[in-house]
Structure formats: C-alpha cells, structure tokens
C-alpha cells in the first residue's frame, strides 16, 4: 500500500529531525574532541587530524540520515547521490587530464581513471534504480 503525500511529508520531517539530532550530536562530539586534542597538544592541532575528525563525523551523520529515509524518499536521495557522483566525475577527469599539462604522475592518472570508472558505475546504477522506483508509480494498463 502506497503512502499518502501527507504521510510521506511527515516521514520526511521525522527524517530531517533525526538528521538534525545527529548533526547536533556530531557537533558536540567535535567540540569535546577538539577540546581534548587542544589540551593534549597545547593548542596546536594538526590539519590532518582535524580533517580526519570531520570525516568520521560525516560517516555518523550520513549513517543516521540515510537509514532514517523512508522508501518513498529513496528516489530523491538517489538523485542527489547522482549529482554528487557527477562532481566526482569532473574531479576524476581533471586528474586523468593532468597528463596533457605535462605534470602529474602515472599513479595520479591511474587513481583518477579508477575514480572515473567507479563514479560512472554509480551514476548508471543510480539511474537504473531511479527508473525502477518511478516505474512503480506508473499506472498499469
């Protein structure tokens, strides 16, 4: 049985509230972690540690956001994922094209090509899933 638009809207509001809760928890964790690192290092924080902490927080926020999404909202979420993958494709193309400027290593071009292939597969799969989800809402006949 399909959810009504009002039910989907309410579920989206609940998912947004849970995402905000996760973000607030991640911010508290970042503040506590930052205070602990600042105390341990005398105020100097290595940028790599800072970026790693942001990465870990993004994992937690992403986990809570994605698992809070109702099935009716998976199609819009997949569209956003496709948009993010298209940005990855642009970056991978720039990495592969470094050879044209005479700079860059073979490893950079190889990783760029590998990223390009993975992002392209992700985009293609996203469009397939989106197409199947939208086909569920078409009238049969």
N, C-alpha and C. Protein backbone atom coordinates (compact mmCIF):
# COMPACT_ATOMS: atom_id res chain seq x y z
N UNK A 1 0.84 -1.17 0.00
CA UNK A 1 0.00 0.00 0.00
C UNK A 1 0.88 1.24 0.00
N UNK A 2 0.61 2.16 -0.89
CA UNK A 2 1.42 3.36 -1.02
C UNK A 2 1.06 4.37 0.06
N UNK A 3 2.08 5.09 0.50
CA UNK A 3 1.85 6.14 1.48
C UNK A 3 1.22 7.34 0.80
N UNK A 4 0.40 8.06 1.54
CA UNK A 4 -0.20 9.28 1.02
C UNK A 4 0.86 10.38 1.06
N UNK A 5 0.67 11.45 0.29
CA UNK A 5 1.64 12.54 0.33
C UNK A 5 1.82 13.14 1.73
N UNK A 6 0.76 13.17 2.51
CA UNK A 6 0.87 13.71 3.87
C UNK A 6 1.74 12.80 4.73
N UNK A 7 1.60 11.48 4.57
CA UNK A 7 2.42 10.55 5.34
C UNK A 7 3.89 10.66 4.95
N UNK A 8 4.12 10.79 3.64
CA UNK A 8 5.49 10.93 3.16
C UNK A 8 6.09 12.22 3.70
N UNK A 9 5.30 13.30 3.73
CA UNK A 9 5.79 14.58 4.25
C UNK A 9 6.12 14.46 5.73
N UNK A 10 5.28 13.79 6.48
CA UNK A 10 5.53 13.61 7.91
C UNK A 10 6.79 12.76 8.12
N UNK A 11 6.95 11.71 7.30
CA UNK A 11 8.13 10.87 7.42
C UNK A 11 9.39 11.65 7.06
N UNK A 12 9.29 12.54 6.09
CA UNK A 12 10.42 13.38 5.71
C UNK A 12 10.77 14.33 6.85
N UNK A 13 9.75 14.87 7.51
CA UNK A 13 10.01 15.77 8.64
C UNK A 13 10.69 15.02 9.78
N UNK A 14 10.26 13.78 10.02
CA UNK A 14 10.89 12.97 11.07
C UNK A 14 12.35 12.68 10.71
N UNK A 15 12.59 12.35 9.44
CA UNK A 15 13.96 12.07 8.99
C UNK A 15 14.83 13.31 9.13
N UNK A 16 14.28 14.48 8.81
CA UNK A 16 15.03 15.72 8.94
C UNK A 16 15.34 16.01 10.40
N UNK A 17 14.37 15.75 11.29
CA UNK A 17 14.60 15.97 12.72
C UNK A 17 15.70 15.04 13.22
N UNK A 18 15.69 13.78 12.77
CA UNK A 18 16.73 12.84 13.19
C UNK A 18 18.09 13.25 12.64
N UNK A 19 18.12 13.77 11.42
CA UNK A 19 19.38 14.24 10.85
C UNK A 19 19.91 15.42 11.64
N UNK A 20 19.01 16.33 12.05
CA UNK A 20 19.44 17.47 12.86
C UNK A 20 19.97 17.01 14.21
N UNK A 21 19.32 16.02 14.80
CA UNK A 21 19.80 15.47 16.08
C UNK A 21 21.20 14.87 15.91
N UNK A 22 21.40 14.14 14.82
CA UNK A 22 22.70 13.54 14.56
C UNK A 22 23.76 14.62 14.35
N UNK A 23 23.39 15.68 13.66
CA UNK A 23 24.32 16.77 13.42
C UNK A 23 24.70 17.45 14.74
N UNK A 24 23.72 17.67 15.60
CA UNK A 24 24.00 18.29 16.90
C UNK A 24 24.89 17.38 17.74
N UNK A 25 24.63 16.08 17.70
CA UNK A 25 25.48 15.15 18.44
C UNK A 25 26.90 15.16 17.88
N UNK A 26 27.03 15.23 16.56
CA UNK A 26 28.36 15.28 15.94
C UNK A 26 29.09 16.56 16.30
N UNK A 27 28.36 17.67 16.38
CA UNK A 27 28.97 18.94 16.77
C UNK A 27 29.46 18.88 18.22
N UNK A 28 28.66 18.29 19.10
CA UNK A 28 29.09 18.14 20.50
C UNK A 28 30.32 17.26 20.59
N UNK A 29 30.32 16.18 19.81
CA UNK A 29 31.46 15.28 19.79
C UNK A 29 32.70 16.00 19.26
N UNK A 30 32.53 16.81 18.23
CA UNK A 30 33.65 17.56 17.67
C UNK A 30 34.20 18.57 18.67
N UNK A 31 33.30 19.24 19.39
CA UNK A 31 33.74 20.20 20.40
C UNK A 31 34.53 19.50 21.51
N UNK A 32 34.00 18.37 21.97
CA UNK A 32 34.69 17.63 23.03
C UNK A 32 36.03 17.09 22.53
N UNK A 33 36.03 16.54 21.34
CA UNK A 33 37.27 16.02 20.78
C UNK A 33 38.29 17.12 20.52
N UNK A 34 37.81 18.25 20.03
CA UNK A 34 38.70 19.38 19.79
C UNK A 34 39.30 19.91 21.07
N UNK A 35 38.49 19.97 22.13
CA UNK A 35 39.00 20.43 23.43
C UNK A 35 40.03 19.45 23.97
N UNK A 36 39.77 18.15 23.81
CA UNK A 36 40.72 17.15 24.30
C UNK A 36 42.03 17.21 23.53
N UNK A 37 41.95 17.36 22.22
CA UNK A 37 43.17 17.43 21.40
C UNK A 37 43.93 18.71 21.70
N UNK A 38 43.20 19.81 21.85
CA UNK A 38 43.86 21.09 22.16
C UNK A 38 44.57 21.01 23.51
N UNK A 39 43.94 20.35 24.49
CA UNK A 39 44.57 20.22 25.81
C UNK A 39 45.80 19.31 25.74
N UNK A 40 45.71 18.26 24.94
CA UNK A 40 46.82 17.31 24.85
C UNK A 40 48.00 17.87 24.07
N UNK A 41 47.74 18.72 23.08
CA UNK A 41 48.83 19.23 22.24
C UNK A 41 49.22 20.65 22.56
N UNK A 42 48.61 21.24 23.57
CA UNK A 42 48.96 22.61 23.91
C UNK A 42 48.34 23.62 22.95
N UNK A 43 47.28 23.25 22.28
CA UNK A 43 46.58 24.18 21.40
C UNK A 43 46.86 24.00 19.93
N UNK A 44 47.88 23.23 19.58
CA UNK A 44 48.21 23.03 18.17
C UNK A 44 47.54 21.74 17.68
N UNK A 45 46.72 21.84 16.66
CA UNK A 45 46.03 20.68 16.10
C UNK A 45 46.51 20.51 14.67
N UNK A 46 46.97 19.33 14.38
CA UNK A 46 47.42 19.01 13.03
C UNK A 46 46.22 19.03 12.08
N UNK A 47 46.32 19.69 10.93
CA UNK A 47 45.19 19.73 9.99
C UNK A 47 44.72 18.35 9.55
N UNK A 48 45.62 17.37 9.49
CA UNK A 48 45.22 16.03 9.11
C UNK A 48 44.28 15.42 10.15
N UNK A 49 44.56 15.65 11.41
CA UNK A 49 43.70 15.15 12.48
C UNK A 49 42.34 15.83 12.41
N UNK A 50 42.36 17.12 12.16
CA UNK A 50 41.11 17.87 12.07
C UNK A 50 40.25 17.35 10.91
N UNK A 51 40.86 17.14 9.77
CA UNK A 51 40.12 16.63 8.60
C UNK A 51 39.62 15.20 8.84
N UNK A 52 40.42 14.39 9.51
CA UNK A 52 40.01 13.04 9.82
C UNK A 52 38.80 13.05 10.77
N UNK A 53 38.80 13.96 11.72
CA UNK A 53 37.66 14.07 12.64
C UNK A 53 36.40 14.46 11.89
N UNK A 54 36.52 15.37 10.94
CA UNK A 54 35.36 15.77 10.13
C UNK A 54 34.87 14.57 9.31
N UNK A 55 35.79 13.80 8.77
CA UNK A 55 35.42 12.61 8.01
C UNK A 55 34.65 11.62 8.87
N UNK A 56 35.11 11.38 10.08
CA UNK A 56 34.43 10.45 10.99
C UNK A 56 33.04 10.97 11.33
N UNK A 57 32.91 12.27 11.59
CA UNK A 57 31.60 12.84 11.89
C UNK A 57 30.67 12.72 10.68
N UNK A 58 31.20 12.91 9.48
CA UNK A 58 30.39 12.78 8.28
C UNK A 58 29.86 11.36 8.12
N UNK A 59 30.65 10.37 8.53
CA UNK A 59 30.20 8.99 8.48
C UNK A 59 28.98 8.80 9.38
N UNK A 60 29.07 9.30 10.61
CA UNK A 60 27.96 9.15 11.54
C UNK A 60 26.71 9.89 11.06
N UNK A 61 26.88 11.12 10.61
CA UNK A 61 25.74 11.89 10.13
C UNK A 61 25.12 11.22 8.92
N UNK A 62 25.95 10.77 7.98
CA UNK A 62 25.44 10.09 6.80
C UNK A 62 24.70 8.82 7.14
N UNK A 63 25.22 8.07 8.10
CA UNK A 63 24.56 6.83 8.52
C UNK A 63 23.16 7.13 9.05
N UNK A 64 23.05 8.10 9.95
CA UNK A 64 21.75 8.40 10.55
C UNK A 64 20.79 9.01 9.53
N UNK A 65 21.29 9.79 8.60
CA UNK A 65 20.42 10.40 7.60
C UNK A 65 19.90 9.34 6.63
N UNK A 66 20.79 8.51 6.11
CA UNK A 66 20.39 7.53 5.11
C UNK A 66 19.45 6.48 5.69
N UNK A 67 19.71 5.99 6.89
CA UNK A 67 18.86 4.96 7.47
C UNK A 67 17.55 5.51 8.01
N UNK A 68 17.42 6.83 8.05
CA UNK A 68 16.16 7.44 8.50
C UNK A 68 15.23 7.74 7.32
N UNK A 69 15.70 7.56 6.12
CA UNK A 69 14.91 7.89 4.94
C UNK A 69 13.89 6.78 4.68
N UNK A 70 12.65 7.18 4.44
CA UNK A 70 11.60 6.21 4.12
C UNK A 70 11.75 5.76 2.67
N UNK A 71 11.21 4.62 2.31
CA UNK A 71 11.34 4.13 0.93
C UNK A 71 10.78 5.11 -0.11
N UNK A 72 9.77 5.89 0.26
CA UNK A 72 9.20 6.83 -0.70
C UNK A 72 10.17 7.96 -1.04
N UNK A 73 11.16 8.19 -0.18
CA UNK A 73 12.12 9.27 -0.43
C UNK A 73 13.43 8.78 -1.03
N UNK A 74 13.54 7.49 -1.33
CA UNK A 74 14.79 6.98 -1.87
C UNK A 74 15.09 7.53 -3.26
N UNK A 75 14.07 7.79 -4.07
CA UNK A 75 14.31 8.31 -5.41
C UNK A 75 14.95 9.70 -5.37
N UNK A 76 14.42 10.65 -4.58
CA UNK A 76 15.13 11.94 -4.49
C UNK A 76 16.53 11.81 -3.91
N UNK A 77 16.70 10.90 -2.95
CA UNK A 77 18.02 10.70 -2.38
C UNK A 77 18.98 10.17 -3.43
N UNK A 78 18.51 9.28 -4.28
CA UNK A 78 19.35 8.74 -5.34
C UNK A 78 19.72 9.83 -6.34
N UNK A 79 18.82 10.75 -6.59
CA UNK A 79 19.12 11.86 -7.50
C UNK A 79 20.24 12.73 -6.93
N UNK A 80 20.22 12.97 -5.63
CA UNK A 80 21.29 13.74 -5.00
C UNK A 80 22.60 12.98 -5.07
N UNK A 81 22.54 11.67 -4.89
CA UNK A 81 23.75 10.85 -4.99
C UNK A 81 24.32 10.92 -6.40
N UNK A 82 23.46 10.92 -7.41
CA UNK A 82 23.93 11.06 -8.79
C UNK A 82 24.60 12.41 -8.99
N UNK A 83 24.06 13.46 -8.39
CA UNK A 83 24.66 14.79 -8.54
C UNK A 83 26.05 14.82 -7.90
N UNK A 84 26.19 14.20 -6.73
CA UNK A 84 27.49 14.15 -6.07
C UNK A 84 28.48 13.35 -6.91
N UNK A 85 28.02 12.24 -7.47
CA UNK A 85 28.90 11.44 -8.32
C UNK A 85 29.33 12.20 -9.56
N UNK A 86 28.47 13.07 -10.07
CA UNK A 86 28.87 13.85 -11.25
C UNK A 86 30.00 14.82 -10.91
N UNK A 87 30.01 15.33 -9.68
CA UNK A 87 31.11 16.19 -9.26
C UNK A 87 32.39 15.36 -9.16
N UNK A 88 32.27 14.12 -8.68
CA UNK A 88 33.43 13.23 -8.61
C UNK A 88 33.96 12.94 -10.02
N UNK A 89 33.06 12.79 -10.98
CA UNK A 89 33.49 12.56 -12.36
C UNK A 89 34.30 13.74 -12.88
N UNK A 90 33.87 14.94 -12.58
CA UNK A 90 34.61 16.13 -13.02
C UNK A 90 36.01 16.13 -12.42
N UNK A 91 36.11 15.85 -11.12
CA UNK A 91 37.42 15.79 -10.47
C UNK A 91 38.29 14.69 -11.04
N UNK A 92 37.71 13.54 -11.32
CA UNK A 92 38.47 12.43 -11.89
C UNK A 92 38.95 12.77 -13.30
N UNK A 93 38.12 13.44 -14.07
CA UNK A 93 38.54 13.85 -15.42
C UNK A 93 39.71 14.83 -15.34
N UNK A 94 39.66 15.73 -14.36
CA UNK A 94 40.78 16.65 -14.20
C UNK A 94 42.06 15.90 -13.82
N UNK A 95 41.92 14.88 -12.98
CA UNK A 95 43.08 14.09 -12.58
C UNK A 95 43.64 13.29 -13.76
N UNK A 96 42.77 12.74 -14.57
CA UNK A 96 43.22 11.98 -15.75
C UNK A 96 43.85 12.91 -16.77
N UNK A 97 43.31 14.13 -16.89
CA UNK A 97 43.81 15.07 -17.89
C UNK A 97 45.07 15.79 -17.50
N UNK A 98 45.62 15.51 -16.32
CA UNK A 98 46.85 16.18 -15.90
C UNK A 98 47.99 15.86 -16.85
N UNK A 99 47.93 14.71 -17.50
CA UNK A 99 48.99 14.32 -18.42
C UNK A 99 49.12 15.31 -19.58
N UNK A 100 48.04 15.98 -19.92
CA UNK A 100 48.09 16.93 -21.03
C UNK A 100 48.90 18.17 -20.69
N UNK A 101 49.06 18.47 -19.41
CA UNK A 101 49.82 19.65 -19.00
C UNK A 101 51.28 19.32 -18.74
N UNK A 102 51.62 18.04 -18.79
CA UNK A 102 52.99 17.64 -18.54
C UNK A 102 53.31 17.46 -17.07
N UNK A 103 52.31 17.58 -16.22
CA UNK A 103 52.52 17.42 -14.78
C UNK A 103 51.79 16.17 -14.31
N UNK A 104 52.00 15.81 -13.08
CA UNK A 104 51.29 14.67 -12.51
C UNK A 104 52.01 13.37 -12.75
N UNK A 105 51.68 12.42 -11.93
CA UNK A 105 52.33 11.11 -12.02
C UNK A 105 51.38 10.10 -12.65
N UNK A 106 51.93 8.97 -12.97
CA UNK A 106 51.12 7.88 -13.51
C UNK A 106 50.12 7.41 -12.46
N UNK A 107 50.53 7.42 -11.19
CA UNK A 107 49.64 6.99 -10.12
C UNK A 107 48.42 7.92 -10.03
N UNK A 108 48.65 9.22 -10.16
CA UNK A 108 47.53 10.17 -10.10
C UNK A 108 46.56 9.93 -11.24
N UNK A 109 47.09 9.69 -12.42
CA UNK A 109 46.22 9.41 -13.56
C UNK A 109 45.49 8.09 -13.37
N UNK A 110 46.18 7.08 -12.81
CA UNK A 110 45.55 5.78 -12.57
C UNK A 110 44.41 5.88 -11.55
N UNK A 111 44.67 6.58 -10.44
CA UNK A 111 43.61 6.76 -9.44
C UNK A 111 42.46 7.60 -10.00
N UNK A 112 42.80 8.58 -10.83
CA UNK A 112 41.74 9.38 -11.47
C UNK A 112 40.87 8.53 -12.37
N UNK A 113 41.49 7.66 -13.15
CA UNK A 113 40.73 6.77 -14.03
C UNK A 113 39.88 5.80 -13.22
N UNK A 114 40.45 5.26 -12.13
CA UNK A 114 39.71 4.34 -11.27
C UNK A 114 38.51 5.05 -10.65
N UNK A 115 38.71 6.28 -10.19
CA UNK A 115 37.60 7.07 -9.64
C UNK A 115 36.55 7.37 -10.69
N UNK A 116 36.99 7.64 -11.91
CA UNK A 116 36.07 7.92 -13.00
C UNK A 116 35.20 6.70 -13.30
N UNK A 117 35.80 5.53 -13.32
CA UNK A 117 35.05 4.30 -13.59
C UNK A 117 34.03 4.04 -12.48
N UNK A 118 34.47 4.14 -11.21
CA UNK A 118 33.56 3.87 -10.09
C UNK A 118 32.41 4.87 -10.04
N UNK A 119 32.70 6.15 -10.24
CA UNK A 119 31.63 7.16 -10.22
C UNK A 119 30.67 6.95 -11.38
N UNK A 120 31.18 6.56 -12.53
CA UNK A 120 30.31 6.33 -13.69
C UNK A 120 29.38 5.14 -13.43
N UNK A 121 29.92 4.08 -12.83
CA UNK A 121 29.08 2.92 -12.49
C UNK A 121 28.01 3.34 -11.48
N UNK A 122 28.39 4.17 -10.51
CA UNK A 122 27.44 4.64 -9.50
C UNK A 122 26.32 5.47 -10.15
N UNK A 123 26.67 6.33 -11.06
CA UNK A 123 25.66 7.16 -11.74
C UNK A 123 24.72 6.28 -12.56
N UNK A 124 25.30 5.35 -13.33
CA UNK A 124 24.48 4.47 -14.16
C UNK A 124 23.54 3.64 -13.30
N UNK A 125 24.06 3.06 -12.21
CA UNK A 125 23.21 2.28 -11.30
C UNK A 125 22.15 3.15 -10.65
N UNK A 126 22.49 4.38 -10.33
CA UNK A 126 21.52 5.30 -9.74
C UNK A 126 20.36 5.58 -10.68
N UNK A 127 20.68 5.76 -11.94
CA UNK A 127 19.61 6.00 -12.91
C UNK A 127 18.73 4.76 -13.09
N UNK A 128 19.34 3.57 -13.04
CA UNK A 128 18.54 2.35 -13.13
C UNK A 128 17.59 2.21 -11.94
N UNK A 129 18.10 2.47 -10.74
CA UNK A 129 17.27 2.37 -9.54
C UNK A 129 16.16 3.42 -9.57
N UNK A 130 16.51 4.65 -9.98
CA UNK A 130 15.51 5.71 -10.06
C UNK A 130 14.43 5.35 -11.07
N UNK A 131 14.83 4.80 -12.19
CA UNK A 131 13.86 4.40 -13.21
C UNK A 131 12.92 3.32 -12.68
N UNK A 132 13.46 2.36 -11.97
CA UNK A 132 12.62 1.30 -11.40
C UNK A 132 11.67 1.85 -10.34
N UNK A 133 12.16 2.77 -9.51
CA UNK A 133 11.30 3.36 -8.48
C UNK A 133 10.16 4.16 -9.11
N UNK A 134 10.48 4.94 -10.13
CA UNK A 134 9.44 5.73 -10.78
C UNK A 134 8.46 4.84 -11.53
N UNK A 135 8.92 3.70 -12.04
CA UNK A 135 8.01 2.78 -12.74
C UNK A 135 6.98 2.19 -11.78
N UNK A 136 7.29 2.14 -10.50
CA UNK A 136 6.34 1.62 -9.52
C UNK A 136 5.12 2.52 -9.40
N UNK A 137 5.28 3.81 -9.70
CA UNK A 137 4.17 4.75 -9.54
C UNK A 137 3.36 4.96 -10.82
N UNK A 138 3.79 4.34 -11.93
CA UNK A 138 3.02 4.47 -13.17
C UNK A 138 1.83 3.55 -13.14
N UNK A 139 0.77 4.00 -13.78
CA UNK A 139 -0.44 3.17 -13.86
C UNK A 139 -0.21 2.03 -14.84
N UNK A 140 -0.69 0.89 -14.47
CA UNK A 140 -0.58 -0.26 -15.35
C UNK A 140 -1.77 -0.25 -16.32
N UNK A 141 -1.50 -0.61 -17.53
CA UNK A 141 -2.66 -0.67 -18.42
C UNK A 141 -2.40 -0.42 -19.79
